[in-house]
N, C-alpha and C. Protein backbone atom coordinates (compact mmCIF):
# COMPACT_ATOMS: atom_id res chain seq x y z
N MET A 1 0.59 -1.65 0.23
CA MET A 1 0.18 -0.49 -0.13
C MET A 1 1.07 1.76 -0.13
N THR A 2 0.57 2.30 -0.61
CA THR A 2 1.01 3.36 -0.69
C THR A 2 0.95 4.31 0.59
N ILE A 3 2.06 5.00 0.94
CA ILE A 3 2.01 6.04 1.75
C ILE A 3 0.17 6.76 1.98
N SER A 4 0.59 7.66 0.07
CA SER A 4 -0.79 8.14 0.38
C SER A 4 -1.85 7.90 0.61
N ARG A 5 -2.11 6.67 -0.17
CA ARG A 5 -3.28 5.37 -0.25
C ARG A 5 -3.39 5.60 1.35
N ARG A 6 -2.50 5.38 2.68
CA ARG A 6 -2.48 4.85 3.34
C ARG A 6 -3.26 5.77 4.58
N PHE A 7 -2.49 7.04 4.39
CA PHE A 7 -2.96 8.37 4.79
C PHE A 7 -4.32 8.36 4.20
N ALA A 8 -4.42 8.41 3.31
CA ALA A 8 -6.12 8.64 2.74
C ALA A 8 -7.19 7.56 3.70
N LEU A 9 -7.02 6.59 4.02
CA LEU A 9 -7.65 5.54 4.41
C LEU A 9 -7.17 5.79 6.10
N THR A 10 -6.57 6.09 6.67
CA THR A 10 -6.33 6.82 8.32
C THR A 10 -6.96 8.12 7.97
N GLY A 11 -7.36 8.66 6.95
CA GLY A 11 -8.03 9.90 7.33
C GLY A 11 -9.37 9.57 7.45
N LEU A 12 -10.57 8.81 6.41
CA LEU A 12 -10.89 8.56 6.48
C LEU A 12 -11.76 7.66 7.79
N ALA A 13 -10.84 6.73 8.24
CA ALA A 13 -11.34 6.33 8.96
C ALA A 13 -11.87 7.17 10.80
N THR A 14 -10.57 8.42 10.40
CA THR A 14 -10.28 9.07 11.54
C THR A 14 -11.57 10.02 11.61
N LEU A 15 -12.18 10.13 10.20
CA LEU A 15 -13.41 10.61 9.91
C LEU A 15 -14.52 10.55 10.34
N LEU A 16 -14.51 9.28 10.61
CA LEU A 16 -16.01 8.01 10.19
C LEU A 16 -15.85 7.90 11.82
N LEU A 17 -14.63 8.52 12.73
CA LEU A 17 -14.89 8.00 13.92
C LEU A 17 -14.96 9.24 15.04
N THR A 18 -15.01 9.82 14.57
CA THR A 18 -15.28 11.17 15.20
C THR A 18 -16.60 11.86 14.88
N ALA A 19 -16.88 12.03 13.91
CA ALA A 19 -17.96 12.35 13.29
C ALA A 19 -18.79 11.79 12.10
N CYS A 20 -19.18 10.40 12.45
CA CYS A 20 -20.05 9.63 11.92
C CYS A 20 -20.67 8.65 12.71
N VAL A 21 -20.67 8.72 14.28
CA VAL A 21 -20.66 7.70 14.57
C VAL A 21 -22.01 8.25 15.35
N GLY A 22 -23.15 7.50 15.69
CA GLY A 22 -24.54 7.15 16.03
C GLY A 22 -24.11 7.86 17.29
N GLY A 23 -25.22 8.61 18.21
CA GLY A 23 -24.71 7.67 19.97
C GLY A 23 -24.16 6.99 20.57
N GLY A 24 -22.71 8.04 19.91
CA GLY A 24 -21.23 7.90 20.66
C GLY A 24 -20.68 6.72 20.80
N GLY A 25 -21.90 6.19 19.20
CA GLY A 25 -20.83 5.20 18.74
C GLY A 25 -21.74 3.56 19.06
N GLY A 26 -22.52 3.73 19.95
CA GLY A 26 -23.60 2.61 20.44
C GLY A 26 -24.71 1.98 19.97
N PHE A 27 -24.88 0.83 19.04
CA PHE A 27 -26.15 0.65 18.39
C PHE A 27 -26.68 -0.29 19.66
N LYS A 28 -28.08 -0.58 18.74
CA LYS A 28 -28.59 -1.88 18.92
C LYS A 28 -29.72 -2.93 18.78
N THR A 29 -29.81 -4.07 18.23
CA THR A 29 -31.07 -4.01 18.84
C THR A 29 -31.99 -4.82 19.55
N ASP A 30 -33.17 -4.09 19.94
CA ASP A 30 -34.08 -4.16 21.46
C ASP A 30 -35.40 -4.45 21.08
N TYR A 31 -35.92 -4.85 21.99
CA TYR A 31 -37.90 -4.41 21.84
C TYR A 31 -37.76 -5.07 23.46
N ALA A 32 -39.43 -5.11 23.45
CA ALA A 32 -39.82 -5.29 25.40
C ALA A 32 -40.00 -6.88 24.48
N PRO A 33 -39.51 -8.17 24.70
CA PRO A 33 -39.71 -9.50 24.31
C PRO A 33 -41.48 -10.21 24.89
N LEU A 34 -42.13 -10.77 24.29
CA LEU A 34 -43.38 -11.38 24.77
C LEU A 34 -43.21 -12.40 25.02
N GLY A 35 -44.62 -13.12 25.48
CA GLY A 35 -44.46 -15.06 26.24
C GLY A 35 -45.07 -14.75 24.44
N THR A 36 -44.57 -16.36 24.63
CA THR A 36 -46.73 -17.65 24.57
C THR A 36 -47.63 -17.47 24.87
N ASP A 37 -47.98 -17.20 26.30
CA ASP A 37 -48.98 -16.34 26.95
C ASP A 37 -49.08 -15.59 26.04
N VAL A 38 -48.50 -14.99 25.87
CA VAL A 38 -49.26 -13.76 24.94
C VAL A 38 -49.23 -13.81 23.47
N THR A 39 -48.92 -14.29 22.79
CA THR A 39 -48.60 -14.71 21.55
C THR A 39 -49.88 -16.25 21.22
N GLY A 40 -49.37 -16.96 21.91
CA GLY A 40 -49.87 -18.19 21.79
C GLY A 40 -50.96 -18.46 20.80
N GLY A 41 -52.28 -17.83 21.29
CA GLY A 41 -53.15 -17.41 20.49
C GLY A 41 -53.30 -16.67 18.99
N TRP A 42 -52.22 -16.28 19.30
CA TRP A 42 -52.35 -15.56 17.31
C TRP A 42 -51.93 -15.78 16.19
N ARG A 43 -53.15 -15.86 15.52
CA ARG A 43 -51.73 -16.28 13.81
C ARG A 43 -52.47 -14.58 12.89
N LEU A 44 -51.42 -14.23 12.69
CA LEU A 44 -51.32 -13.27 11.74
C LEU A 44 -52.19 -12.93 10.40
N SER A 45 -52.85 -11.88 10.19
CA SER A 45 -53.75 -11.85 9.19
C SER A 45 -53.09 -11.31 7.88
N ASP A 46 -52.91 -9.89 8.74
CA ASP A 46 -51.86 -8.89 8.31
C ASP A 46 -51.04 -8.00 8.47
N VAL A 47 -49.92 -7.28 8.02
CA VAL A 47 -49.61 -6.09 8.36
C VAL A 47 -49.70 -5.14 7.48
N ARG A 48 -49.66 -4.03 8.14
CA ARG A 48 -50.04 -2.58 7.77
C ARG A 48 -49.26 -2.00 7.97
N VAL A 49 -48.04 -0.88 7.13
CA VAL A 49 -47.20 -0.52 7.64
C VAL A 49 -47.49 1.34 7.27
N SER A 50 -47.31 2.25 7.66
CA SER A 50 -47.45 3.68 8.15
C SER A 50 -45.47 3.87 7.71
N VAL A 51 -45.54 5.10 7.06
CA VAL A 51 -43.78 5.63 7.27
C VAL A 51 -44.45 6.88 6.76
N PRO A 52 -44.26 7.66 7.49
CA PRO A 52 -45.31 9.36 8.33
C PRO A 52 -43.74 10.32 6.77
N ASN A 53 -45.28 11.19 6.81
CA ASN A 53 -44.96 12.53 5.66
C ASN A 53 -43.48 13.02 6.42
N SER A 54 -43.06 13.00 7.27
CA SER A 54 -42.79 14.17 8.39
C SER A 54 -41.12 13.17 8.45
N LEU A 55 -41.09 12.16 7.78
CA LEU A 55 -39.85 11.64 8.19
C LEU A 55 -38.81 12.25 6.72
N VAL A 56 -38.14 12.24 7.25
CA VAL A 56 -36.71 13.01 6.41
C VAL A 56 -35.89 11.99 4.70
N ILE A 57 -36.00 12.46 3.54
CA ILE A 57 -35.68 11.69 2.62
C ILE A 57 -34.86 12.58 2.43
N SER A 58 -33.53 11.51 2.13
CA SER A 58 -32.24 12.17 1.25
C SER A 58 -32.18 11.60 0.59
N GLU A 59 -31.32 11.88 -0.33
CA GLU A 59 -30.42 11.10 -1.99
C GLU A 59 -29.38 11.75 -2.15
N GLN A 60 -29.22 12.08 -1.10
CA GLN A 60 -26.99 13.50 -1.43
C GLN A 60 -26.41 11.45 -1.96
N GLU A 61 -25.66 11.46 -2.23
CA GLU A 61 -24.66 10.33 -2.16
C GLU A 61 -23.25 11.23 -1.26
N THR A 62 -23.79 11.11 -0.82
CA THR A 62 -22.20 11.17 0.97
C THR A 62 -22.37 9.80 1.94
N LEU A 63 -21.15 9.88 2.48
CA LEU A 63 -20.96 8.71 3.36
C LEU A 63 -22.46 8.56 4.47
N VAL A 64 -22.59 9.74 5.37
CA VAL A 64 -23.43 9.91 5.97
C VAL A 64 -24.76 10.83 5.87
N PRO A 65 -25.60 10.83 5.13
CA PRO A 65 -26.27 12.45 4.81
C PRO A 65 -27.56 12.12 5.84
N ASP A 66 -27.48 12.96 6.79
CA ASP A 66 -28.64 13.54 7.67
C ASP A 66 -29.93 13.65 7.46
N ALA A 67 -30.74 12.31 7.46
CA ALA A 67 -32.02 12.05 6.97
C ALA A 67 -32.08 10.52 7.76
N ASP A 68 -33.86 10.99 7.53
CA ASP A 68 -34.45 9.60 8.35
C ASP A 68 -34.65 8.32 7.70
N ILE A 69 -34.46 8.78 6.16
CA ILE A 69 -34.74 7.17 5.45
C ILE A 69 -33.15 8.07 4.53
N VAL A 70 -32.92 6.94 3.83
CA VAL A 70 -31.81 6.52 3.08
C VAL A 70 -31.38 5.16 2.61
N TRP A 71 -32.30 5.53 1.27
CA TRP A 71 -32.15 3.91 0.60
C TRP A 71 -31.86 4.05 -0.60
N ARG A 72 -31.53 3.32 -1.65
CA ARG A 72 -30.19 4.08 -2.38
C ARG A 72 -30.76 2.03 -3.84
N GLU A 73 -30.83 1.01 -3.63
CA GLU A 73 -30.98 -0.35 -3.92
C GLU A 73 -32.28 -0.01 -4.83
N ASP A 74 -33.21 0.39 -4.79
CA ASP A 74 -34.64 0.49 -5.93
C ASP A 74 -34.23 1.83 -6.47
N PRO A 75 -34.81 1.56 -7.62
CA PRO A 75 -34.68 2.76 -8.67
C PRO A 75 -35.24 3.88 -7.87
N LEU A 76 -34.71 5.26 -8.61
CA LEU A 76 -34.98 6.78 -7.69
C LEU A 76 -36.35 6.58 -8.10
N GLY A 77 -37.07 6.80 -6.87
CA GLY A 77 -38.55 6.74 -6.72
C GLY A 77 -39.41 7.19 -5.39
N ASP A 78 -41.00 6.50 -5.05
CA ASP A 78 -41.21 6.54 -4.04
C ASP A 78 -40.08 6.18 -2.93
N ARG A 79 -39.60 6.53 -2.25
CA ARG A 79 -38.72 5.56 -1.29
C ARG A 79 -39.73 5.59 -0.31
N ARG A 80 -40.95 6.10 0.73
CA ARG A 80 -41.58 5.47 1.66
C ARG A 80 -42.47 4.61 0.83
N ALA A 81 -42.56 4.58 -0.25
CA ALA A 81 -43.19 2.93 -0.56
C ALA A 81 -42.35 2.59 -0.98
N GLN A 82 -40.96 2.10 -1.02
CA GLN A 82 -39.71 1.29 -1.20
C GLN A 82 -40.06 0.85 0.38
N VAL A 83 -39.86 1.87 0.98
CA VAL A 83 -39.74 1.56 2.47
C VAL A 83 -40.61 0.79 3.51
N ALA A 84 -41.86 0.66 3.10
CA ALA A 84 -42.74 0.36 3.38
C ALA A 84 -43.11 -1.43 3.13
N THR A 85 -42.19 -1.82 1.67
CA THR A 85 -42.37 -2.84 1.22
C THR A 85 -42.06 -3.60 1.90
N ILE A 86 -40.20 -2.97 1.58
CA ILE A 86 -39.59 -3.88 2.37
C ILE A 86 -40.06 -4.50 4.35
N ILE A 87 -40.27 -3.88 4.96
CA ILE A 87 -40.76 -3.15 6.30
C ILE A 87 -42.35 -4.38 6.38
N LYS A 88 -42.77 -4.49 5.63
CA LYS A 88 -43.97 -5.15 5.62
C LYS A 88 -43.55 -7.03 5.35
N ALA A 89 -42.72 -7.11 4.16
CA ALA A 89 -41.99 -8.85 4.00
C ALA A 89 -41.66 -9.08 4.98
N ALA A 90 -40.41 -7.70 5.71
CA ALA A 90 -39.49 -8.31 7.05
C ALA A 90 -40.43 -8.79 8.18
N VAL A 91 -41.76 -7.34 8.38
CA VAL A 91 -42.84 -8.40 9.75
C VAL A 91 -43.58 -9.64 9.08
N THR A 92 -43.75 -9.51 8.22
CA THR A 92 -44.43 -10.98 7.50
C THR A 92 -44.12 -12.20 7.53
N LYS A 93 -42.63 -12.00 7.21
CA LYS A 93 -41.80 -12.81 7.59
C LYS A 93 -41.50 -13.94 8.80
N GLY A 94 -41.06 -12.60 9.82
CA GLY A 94 -40.88 -12.56 11.57
C GLY A 94 -42.42 -12.93 11.87
N ALA A 95 -43.13 -12.87 11.31
CA ALA A 95 -44.18 -13.43 12.51
C ALA A 95 -45.78 -14.98 12.08
N ARG A 96 -44.76 -15.24 10.89
CA ARG A 96 -45.17 -15.99 9.96
C ARG A 96 -45.71 -16.88 10.98
N GLY A 97 -44.56 -17.52 11.55
CA GLY A 97 -44.51 -18.50 13.53
C GLY A 97 -45.89 -18.88 13.95
N LEU A 98 -46.51 -17.08 14.10
CA LEU A 98 -47.83 -17.28 15.13
C LEU A 98 -48.71 -18.66 14.26
N HIS A 99 -48.91 -19.55 15.30
CA HIS A 99 -50.44 -20.88 14.28
C HIS A 99 -51.91 -20.60 15.36
N GLY A 100 -51.99 -19.07 16.00
CA GLY A 100 -52.91 -19.87 17.28
C GLY A 100 -54.14 -19.81 16.14
N SER A 101 -55.56 -19.19 16.46
CA SER A 101 -56.69 -18.91 16.10
C SER A 101 -57.34 -17.54 15.91
N ARG A 102 -56.24 -17.07 16.79
CA ARG A 102 -57.51 -15.05 16.63
C ARG A 102 -56.11 -14.49 15.72
N GLY A 103 -57.22 -14.01 14.31
CA GLY A 103 -56.30 -13.98 13.60
C GLY A 103 -56.19 -11.81 14.16
N VAL A 104 -55.47 -11.57 13.64
CA VAL A 104 -54.66 -10.03 14.54
C VAL A 104 -53.77 -9.55 12.98
N ILE A 105 -53.78 -8.29 13.32
CA ILE A 105 -53.39 -7.17 12.06
C ILE A 105 -51.99 -6.58 13.04
N ILE A 106 -50.67 -6.25 12.51
CA ILE A 106 -49.62 -5.82 13.29
C ILE A 106 -49.18 -4.15 12.69
N GLU A 107 -49.35 -3.66 12.83
CA GLU A 107 -50.38 -2.51 12.58
C GLU A 107 -48.52 -1.23 12.50
N VAL A 108 -47.43 -1.27 11.85
CA VAL A 108 -46.03 -0.86 12.13
C VAL A 108 -45.75 0.99 11.49
N THR A 109 -45.18 1.00 12.09
CA THR A 109 -44.97 2.74 11.90
C THR A 109 -43.58 3.19 12.02
N VAL A 110 -42.91 3.52 10.50
CA VAL A 110 -41.22 3.45 10.77
C VAL A 110 -41.10 5.00 11.49
N THR A 111 -40.32 4.80 11.48
CA THR A 111 -39.03 6.10 12.67
C THR A 111 -38.00 6.06 11.77
N ARG A 112 -37.56 5.09 11.51
CA ARG A 112 -35.85 5.81 11.38
C ARG A 112 -35.74 4.39 9.84
N PHE A 113 -34.84 4.71 8.61
CA PHE A 113 -34.53 3.58 7.60
C PHE A 113 -33.27 4.08 7.67
N HIS A 114 -32.32 4.06 7.59
CA HIS A 114 -31.14 4.75 7.42
C HIS A 114 -29.75 3.52 7.09
N ALA A 115 -30.17 2.80 5.86
CA ALA A 115 -29.37 2.03 5.16
C ALA A 115 -28.02 2.97 4.58
N MET A 116 -27.29 2.27 3.93
CA MET A 116 -25.73 2.93 3.09
C MET A 116 -26.29 3.15 2.06
N THR A 117 -25.27 4.86 1.93
CA THR A 117 -25.41 5.31 0.08
C THR A 117 -24.10 3.89 0.13
N TRP A 118 -24.20 4.17 -1.72
CA TRP A 118 -23.14 3.89 -2.57
C TRP A 118 -22.01 3.86 -2.32
N LYS A 119 -21.70 5.34 -1.91
CA LYS A 119 -20.21 5.88 -1.35
C LYS A 119 -19.77 5.48 -0.46
N ALA A 120 -20.83 5.13 0.79
CA ALA A 120 -20.29 4.52 1.92
C ALA A 120 -20.21 2.93 2.02
N GLU A 121 -21.12 2.23 1.12
CA GLU A 121 -20.71 0.90 0.25
C GLU A 121 -19.49 0.45 0.01
N GLN A 122 -18.96 1.35 -0.88
CA GLN A 122 -17.95 1.31 -1.29
C GLN A 122 -16.40 1.48 -0.71
N SER A 123 -17.16 3.02 0.11
CA SER A 123 -15.74 3.05 0.95
C SER A 123 -14.86 1.29 1.59
N GLU A 124 -13.51 1.30 1.77
CA GLU A 124 -12.64 0.16 1.64
C GLU A 124 -12.38 0.19 3.46
N ALA A 125 -13.00 1.18 4.02
CA ALA A 125 -13.18 0.96 5.40
C ALA A 125 -14.14 0.42 6.03
N ASP A 126 -13.81 -0.59 6.81
CA ASP A 126 -14.79 -1.85 7.93
C ASP A 126 -15.57 -0.89 8.50
N TRP A 127 -16.86 -0.45 8.01
CA TRP A 127 -17.27 0.33 8.96
C TRP A 127 -18.84 0.47 8.41
N GLY A 128 -19.86 0.82 9.12
CA GLY A 128 -21.50 1.27 8.63
C GLY A 128 -22.18 0.27 9.39
N VAL A 129 -23.60 1.22 9.43
CA VAL A 129 -24.81 0.83 10.46
C VAL A 129 -25.61 0.67 9.57
N HIS A 130 -26.96 -0.51 9.48
CA HIS A 130 -28.14 -0.20 9.07
C HIS A 130 -29.02 0.23 9.90
N ASN A 131 -29.61 1.24 10.13
CA ASN A 131 -29.78 1.71 11.25
C ASN A 131 -31.78 1.56 11.32
N ILE A 132 -32.91 1.12 11.28
CA ILE A 132 -34.03 0.39 11.19
C ILE A 132 -34.93 0.50 12.75
N ARG A 133 -36.25 1.53 12.86
CA ARG A 133 -36.21 1.77 14.48
C ARG A 133 -37.51 2.05 13.74
N PHE A 134 -38.69 1.13 14.30
CA PHE A 134 -40.52 1.12 14.26
C PHE A 134 -40.71 1.41 15.13
N ASP A 135 -41.81 1.70 15.21
CA ASP A 135 -42.74 1.18 16.47
C ASP A 135 -44.07 0.01 16.09
N ALA A 136 -44.54 -0.57 16.25
CA ALA A 136 -45.48 -1.51 16.34
C ALA A 136 -46.79 -1.82 17.19
N ARG A 137 -48.26 -2.19 16.97
CA ARG A 137 -48.55 -2.46 17.91
C ARG A 137 -49.97 -3.75 17.36
N VAL A 138 -50.33 -4.19 17.81
CA VAL A 138 -51.15 -5.95 17.05
C VAL A 138 -52.67 -5.49 17.58
N VAL A 139 -53.24 -5.16 16.98
CA VAL A 139 -55.23 -5.26 16.77
C VAL A 139 -55.70 -6.52 16.54
N ASP A 140 -56.68 -6.57 17.05
CA ASP A 140 -57.94 -7.84 16.61
C ASP A 140 -58.29 -8.00 15.17
N ALA A 141 -57.56 -8.75 14.39
CA ALA A 141 -57.99 -8.55 12.68
C ALA A 141 -59.35 -8.12 12.38
N HIS A 142 -60.71 -8.26 13.46
CA HIS A 142 -62.32 -8.80 13.42
C HIS A 142 -62.70 -7.40 13.92
N SER A 143 -62.17 -7.14 15.09
CA SER A 143 -63.39 -6.31 15.83
C SER A 143 -62.05 -4.73 16.26
N GLY A 144 -61.07 -4.87 15.17
CA GLY A 144 -59.89 -3.84 15.55
C GLY A 144 -59.51 -3.24 16.91
N ALA A 145 -59.75 -4.24 18.03
CA ALA A 145 -59.65 -4.12 19.49
C ALA A 145 -58.10 -4.07 19.42
N GLU A 146 -57.78 -2.76 20.09
CA GLU A 146 -56.40 -3.10 20.54
C GLU A 146 -55.36 -4.20 21.78
N LEU A 147 -54.80 -5.32 21.17
CA LEU A 147 -54.74 -6.48 21.88
C LEU A 147 -52.73 -6.17 22.52
N LEU A 148 -52.64 -5.17 22.26
CA LEU A 148 -50.77 -4.42 22.31
C LEU A 148 -50.98 -3.09 22.22
N PRO A 149 -50.48 -2.25 22.83
CA PRO A 149 -50.32 -0.97 22.18
C PRO A 149 -49.21 -1.19 21.89
N MET A 150 -48.71 -0.09 21.18
CA MET A 150 -47.57 0.41 20.51
C MET A 150 -46.80 0.80 21.13
N THR A 151 -45.92 0.06 20.10
CA THR A 151 -43.93 -0.45 21.51
C THR A 151 -42.79 -0.27 20.50
N HIS A 152 -41.58 0.38 21.05
CA HIS A 152 -40.39 0.93 19.98
C HIS A 152 -39.68 -0.35 19.80
N ILE A 153 -39.33 -1.13 18.90
CA ILE A 153 -38.52 -1.82 18.65
C ILE A 153 -37.42 -1.18 17.65
N GLU A 154 -36.15 -1.71 18.07
CA GLU A 154 -34.90 -1.30 17.46
C GLU A 154 -33.96 -2.04 16.39
N ALA A 155 -34.01 -1.64 15.34
CA ALA A 155 -33.18 -3.16 14.67
C ALA A 155 -32.53 -2.87 13.88
N GLU A 156 -30.94 -2.16 14.67
CA GLU A 156 -29.60 -2.02 14.51
C GLU A 156 -28.90 -3.12 14.49
N PHE A 157 -27.90 -3.11 13.30
CA PHE A 157 -26.54 -4.38 12.91
C PHE A 157 -26.07 -3.92 12.01
N PRO A 158 -24.74 -4.59 12.30
CA PRO A 158 -23.34 -3.86 11.55
C PRO A 158 -23.58 -4.02 9.81
N ALA A 159 -23.10 -2.79 9.21
CA ALA A 159 -23.01 -3.05 7.48
C ALA A 159 -22.07 -3.72 7.33
N LEU A 160 -21.88 -3.98 5.66
CA LEU A 160 -20.48 -4.13 5.10
C LEU A 160 -20.26 -3.11 3.80
N SER A 161 -18.89 -3.22 3.87
CA SER A 161 -18.92 -1.86 3.39
C SER A 161 -17.56 -2.64 1.67
N GLY A 162 -16.65 -2.46 1.57
CA GLY A 162 -15.43 -2.53 0.44
C GLY A 162 -15.39 -3.74 -0.23
N ALA A 163 -14.75 -4.57 0.68
CA ALA A 163 -14.09 -5.39 -0.45
C ALA A 163 -15.82 -6.75 0.07
N LYS A 164 -15.71 -6.78 1.62
CA LYS A 164 -16.48 -7.47 1.96
C LYS A 164 -18.01 -7.91 1.66
N MET A 165 -18.28 -6.52 0.72
CA MET A 165 -20.03 -6.04 0.27
C MET A 165 -19.89 -6.47 -1.31
N ARG A 166 -18.60 -6.77 -1.64
CA ARG A 166 -18.69 -6.95 -2.70
C ARG A 166 -19.01 -8.43 -2.97
N GLU A 167 -18.05 -8.96 -2.50
CA GLU A 167 -18.15 -10.51 -2.27
C GLU A 167 -19.25 -10.71 -2.06
N ALA A 168 -20.15 -10.27 -0.93
CA ALA A 168 -21.25 -10.33 -0.49
C ALA A 168 -22.88 -10.75 -1.68
N ARG A 169 -22.04 -8.87 -2.32
CA ARG A 169 -22.98 -8.44 -3.43
C ARG A 169 -22.56 -10.10 -4.95
N ALA A 170 -21.45 -10.89 -4.35
CA ALA A 170 -21.08 -11.60 -5.66
C ALA A 170 -21.69 -12.85 -4.91
N LYS A 171 -22.51 -13.35 -3.76
CA LYS A 171 -23.35 -14.06 -3.64
C LYS A 171 -24.63 -13.57 -3.65
N GLY A 172 -24.98 -12.84 -4.24
CA GLY A 172 -26.58 -12.82 -4.40
C GLY A 172 -27.02 -12.25 -3.22
N ILE A 173 -26.00 -12.05 -1.99
CA ILE A 173 -26.94 -10.75 -0.63
C ILE A 173 -26.46 -9.52 -1.16
N THR A 174 -27.75 -8.34 -0.38
CA THR A 174 -28.19 -6.80 -0.75
C THR A 174 -28.52 -6.68 0.52
N GLN A 175 -28.47 -5.19 0.76
CA GLN A 175 -28.40 -4.32 1.81
C GLN A 175 -30.19 -5.11 1.96
N LYS A 176 -30.99 -5.16 0.88
CA LYS A 176 -32.38 -5.05 1.37
C LYS A 176 -32.31 -6.63 1.54
N SER A 177 -31.25 -7.61 1.58
CA SER A 177 -31.81 -8.90 1.84
C SER A 177 -31.27 -9.20 3.04
N MET A 178 -30.20 -8.59 3.39
CA MET A 178 -29.79 -8.15 4.92
C MET A 178 -30.94 -7.41 5.62
N ILE A 179 -31.25 -6.21 5.88
CA ILE A 179 -32.47 -6.30 6.24
C ILE A 179 -33.81 -6.91 6.70
N THR A 180 -34.08 -7.39 5.26
CA THR A 180 -35.14 -8.16 5.61
C THR A 180 -34.88 -8.98 6.79
N ALA A 181 -34.41 -10.22 6.57
CA ALA A 181 -33.55 -11.25 7.85
C ALA A 181 -33.16 -10.24 8.67
N HIS A 182 -32.18 -9.46 9.19
CA HIS A 182 -32.66 -8.72 10.30
C HIS A 182 -34.15 -8.64 10.54
N VAL A 183 -34.46 -7.76 10.51
CA VAL A 183 -35.76 -7.67 10.67
C VAL A 183 -36.91 -8.38 10.99
N ALA A 184 -36.82 -9.44 10.52
CA ALA A 184 -37.52 -10.73 10.29
C ALA A 184 -37.18 -11.63 11.42
N ASN A 185 -35.63 -11.45 11.48
CA ASN A 185 -35.58 -12.13 13.14
C ASN A 185 -35.62 -10.92 14.38
N THR A 186 -35.77 -9.91 14.32
CA THR A 186 -36.29 -9.25 15.44
C THR A 186 -37.27 -9.09 15.84
N VAL A 187 -38.63 -9.54 14.63
CA VAL A 187 -39.67 -9.32 14.75
C VAL A 187 -40.34 -10.71 15.36
N ALA A 188 -39.43 -11.70 15.43
CA ALA A 188 -39.86 -13.39 15.35
C ALA A 188 -39.62 -13.19 17.52
N GLY A 189 -38.31 -12.35 17.98
CA GLY A 189 -37.86 -12.70 19.34
C GLY A 189 -38.68 -11.84 19.52
N TRP A 190 -39.08 -10.60 19.58
CA TRP A 190 -40.03 -9.99 20.02
C TRP A 190 -41.35 -10.53 20.04
N LEU A 191 -42.53 -11.48 19.51
CA LEU A 191 -42.95 -12.04 19.27
C LEU A 191 -42.89 -13.39 20.02
N GLY A 192 -41.68 -13.58 20.82
CA GLY A 192 -41.56 -14.73 21.45
C GLY A 192 -41.69 -16.96 20.54
N ILE A 193 -41.44 -15.98 18.98
CA ILE A 193 -41.98 -17.41 18.51
C ILE A 193 -40.10 -17.63 17.72
N GLY A 194 -39.18 -16.50 17.90
CA GLY A 194 -37.80 -17.04 17.78
C GLY A 194 -36.88 -16.53 19.18
N PRO A 195 -35.73 -17.19 18.52
CA PRO A 195 -34.81 -16.61 19.26
C PRO A 195 -34.38 -15.05 19.59
N ASP A 196 -34.04 -14.87 20.60
CA ASP A 196 -33.93 -14.17 21.29
C ASP A 196 -32.79 -13.11 20.17
N ASN A 197 -32.92 -11.82 19.85
CA ASN A 197 -32.14 -11.75 18.42
C ASN A 197 -31.93 -10.13 19.00
N ARG A 198 -32.07 -9.24 20.79
CA ARG A 198 -31.37 -8.30 21.35
C ARG A 198 -29.83 -8.03 20.53
N ASN A 199 -29.30 -7.39 20.81
CA ASN A 199 -27.77 -7.10 20.78
C ASN A 199 -27.62 -5.22 20.88
N THR A 200 -25.94 -5.52 21.53
CA THR A 200 -26.16 -4.01 21.77
C THR A 200 -24.33 -4.18 20.86
N PHE A 201 -23.68 -3.34 20.07
CA PHE A 201 -22.77 -3.11 19.72
C PHE A 201 -22.16 -1.53 19.24
N GLN A 202 -20.15 -1.45 19.07
CA GLN A 202 -20.54 -0.23 18.89
C GLN A 202 -19.39 -0.22 17.37
N ARG A 203 -19.72 0.66 17.00
CA ARG A 203 -18.98 1.40 15.22
C ARG A 203 -19.52 2.15 14.79
N ALA A 204 -18.63 2.95 14.21
CA ALA A 204 -18.65 4.08 13.41
C ALA A 204 -20.01 3.61 12.24
N GLY A 205 -20.83 4.50 12.60
CA GLY A 205 -22.12 4.74 11.10
C GLY A 205 -22.79 5.95 11.70
N ASN A 206 -24.04 5.58 10.64
CA ASN A 206 -24.94 6.33 11.11
C ASN A 206 -25.82 6.88 12.15
């Protein structure tokens, strides 16, 4: 490695560690887990996702845009609709283990969906976080009665960048597939029908 390239990478790492670390570098996947005594009788009827207009969207190709929604893998278009589609698929996948007799609807309100920009993904620094947060409540599918009040769920996990992401893409792994899998596992853990997915980590990211 040339001296100039080493200094460039060192400078990038310093920038990421000093200017791009969210919450002091601490991230987590967290939720208030439910027991099967609560969810054992539930059967998923539908997932309804809302992405509020108040959430700020960024299309800036910077390392860490200051926005609530950052998404690049779908073509330029309605980012709120794209995010809603991803979250609905993930929550549906995570809740598919509900096999009770009472039909329920999981209502989700997205509060943050900050994935990696192309510039961030292509960086050779080992860094980055997929920062996904949402609120969820459960209602009876027939009566609309609230079975579980709104609860906050955080589904943050380390992203891939540089050579690691190129290797992943060569295997068909994308930001979307990783986010979908992590949110699904988080929802399954939250509902008590899968392993506990809660975790904390330190990483330079958004």
